[in-house]
Protein backbone atom coordinates (compact mmCIF):
# COMPACT_ATOMS: atom_id res chain seq x y z
CA MET A 1 -101.63 14.10 -209.95
CA SER A 2 -98.66 15.25 -207.92
CA HIS A 3 -96.05 12.93 -206.44
CA ALA A 4 -96.95 14.03 -202.87
CA TYR A 5 -100.61 13.24 -203.54
CA ASP A 6 -99.71 9.76 -204.84
CA LEU A 7 -97.71 9.06 -201.69
CA THR A 8 -100.61 10.23 -199.52
CA ILE A 9 -103.02 7.87 -201.29
CA ILE A 10 -100.56 4.97 -200.92
CA GLY A 11 -100.13 5.86 -197.23
CA ILE A 12 -103.90 5.78 -196.70
CA PHE A 13 -104.20 2.36 -198.36
CA ILE A 14 -101.36 0.93 -196.30
CA PHE A 15 -102.73 2.51 -193.11
CA ALA A 16 -106.14 0.97 -193.79
CA HIS A 17 -104.66 -2.52 -193.35
CA GLN A 18 -103.70 -3.89 -189.98
CA GLN A 19 -100.37 -2.68 -188.73
CA GLY A 20 -97.58 -5.17 -189.42
CA GLN A 21 -99.32 -6.77 -192.39
CA ILE A 22 -98.46 -6.19 -196.03
CA PRO A 23 -101.47 -5.29 -198.19
CA PRO A 24 -102.20 -7.97 -200.83
CA TYR A 25 -101.54 -5.63 -203.76
CA ALA A 26 -98.03 -4.84 -202.40
CA GLN A 27 -97.06 -8.43 -201.49
CA PRO A 28 -95.34 -9.39 -204.80
CA LYS A 29 -93.18 -6.25 -204.87
CA MET A 30 -92.26 -6.55 -201.20
CA THR A 31 -91.36 -10.23 -201.58
CA ALA A 32 -89.19 -9.53 -204.63
CA PHE A 33 -87.49 -6.67 -202.79
CA ALA A 34 -86.80 -8.89 -199.77
CA LEU A 35 -85.33 -11.63 -201.97
CA ARG A 36 -83.17 -9.13 -203.87
CA GLU A 37 -81.86 -7.67 -200.59
CA GLY A 38 -81.21 -11.16 -199.21
CA ILE A 39 -79.15 -12.08 -202.26
CA VAL A 40 -77.16 -8.83 -202.08
CA LYS A 41 -76.40 -9.31 -198.35
CA THR A 42 -75.41 -12.95 -198.94
CA VAL A 43 -72.96 -11.98 -201.68
CA GLU A 44 -71.51 -9.12 -199.63
CA ASN A 45 -71.00 -11.38 -196.59
CA ALA A 46 -69.40 -14.13 -198.70
CA VAL A 47 -67.02 -11.64 -200.29
CA ALA A 48 -66.08 -10.15 -196.89
CA ALA A 49 -65.37 -13.65 -195.54
CA PHE A 50 -62.60 -13.98 -198.13
CA GLY A 51 -61.02 -10.65 -197.19
CA LEU A 52 -62.32 -8.77 -200.21
CA LYS A 53 -64.25 -5.52 -200.34
CA PRO A 54 -66.52 -4.14 -203.06
CA LEU A 55 -65.28 -1.26 -205.18
CA ASP A 56 -66.62 2.17 -204.32
CA GLY A 57 -69.64 3.59 -206.09
CA SER A 58 -71.74 1.82 -208.67
CA ASP A 59 -68.79 -0.39 -209.69
CA GLY A 60 -69.14 -2.24 -206.39
CA GLU A 61 -72.84 -3.05 -206.63
CA VAL A 62 -74.05 -6.63 -206.73
CA GLU A 63 -75.61 -7.48 -210.08
CA ILE A 64 -78.10 -10.35 -209.97
CA LYS A 65 -78.11 -12.23 -213.27
CA GLU A 66 -81.43 -14.08 -212.84
CA ASP A 67 -84.90 -12.59 -212.97
CA VAL A 68 -86.04 -12.35 -209.34
CA GLN A 69 -89.67 -12.89 -210.33
CA GLU A 70 -88.74 -16.20 -212.00
CA ILE A 71 -86.87 -17.31 -208.87
CA LEU A 72 -89.94 -16.50 -206.78
CA LYS A 73 -92.25 -18.51 -209.04
CA GLY A 74 -90.24 -21.69 -208.49
CA TYR A 75 -89.44 -21.16 -204.81
CA LYS A 76 -90.84 -23.46 -202.13
CA LEU A 77 -90.48 -22.66 -198.43
CA GLY A 78 -87.46 -24.44 -196.98
CA ASN A 79 -85.66 -24.96 -200.31
CA ASP A 80 -82.37 -23.32 -201.21
CA VAL A 81 -82.31 -20.44 -203.69
CA ALA A 82 -79.77 -20.77 -206.50
CA PHE A 83 -78.62 -17.57 -208.15
CA THR A 84 -75.77 -16.07 -210.15
CA SER A 85 -74.42 -12.63 -209.44
CA THR A 86 -71.39 -10.49 -210.13
CA LEU A 87 -69.55 -8.02 -207.95
CA LYS A 88 -66.32 -6.13 -208.64
CA CYS A 89 -63.99 -6.37 -205.64
CA GLU A 90 -60.51 -5.56 -204.46
CA PHE A 91 -58.37 -7.00 -201.70
CA GLY A 92 -59.19 -5.52 -198.33
CA PRO A 93 -56.45 -4.06 -196.11
CA GLU A 94 -56.43 -7.16 -193.86
CA ARG A 95 -55.93 -9.48 -196.83
CA GLU A 96 -53.08 -7.34 -198.23
CA LYS A 97 -51.39 -7.30 -194.81
CA ASN A 98 -51.68 -11.10 -194.53
CA ALA A 99 -50.27 -11.57 -198.05
CA ALA A 100 -47.28 -9.31 -197.27
CA GLN A 101 -46.68 -11.13 -193.99
CA SER A 102 -46.81 -14.54 -195.71
CA ALA A 103 -44.31 -13.40 -198.34
CA THR A 104 -41.95 -12.20 -195.59
CA GLU A 105 -42.29 -15.48 -193.71
CA GLU A 106 -41.54 -17.48 -196.88
CA LYS A 107 -38.45 -15.37 -197.56
CA VAL A 108 -37.16 -15.90 -193.99
CA ALA A 109 -37.87 -19.65 -194.17
CA ALA A 110 -35.98 -19.91 -197.47
CA GLU A 111 -32.86 -18.29 -196.02
């Protein structure tokens, strides 16, 4: 079976369901993907709020330490999701500029 043929079959199954609804067989994968993306965006936004930026390439990717499927099993609507992740970052240009400005201000104040 070719890859193009597989995609056509999947497209027919998805098209057979009402538009805007996720087919039941795809629901677990779609939910896990949505949770994974939500965690990644949360980490990226939190890091940016502190004036940091992820490293370029694969070094700057968010790594989720927990099994997403296990998180989903224990999740109840309205509850917080606890997770652990890692991300390699560096100071962003704004943060470096602020640090240099603070050092200059401290030197002037000391004189």
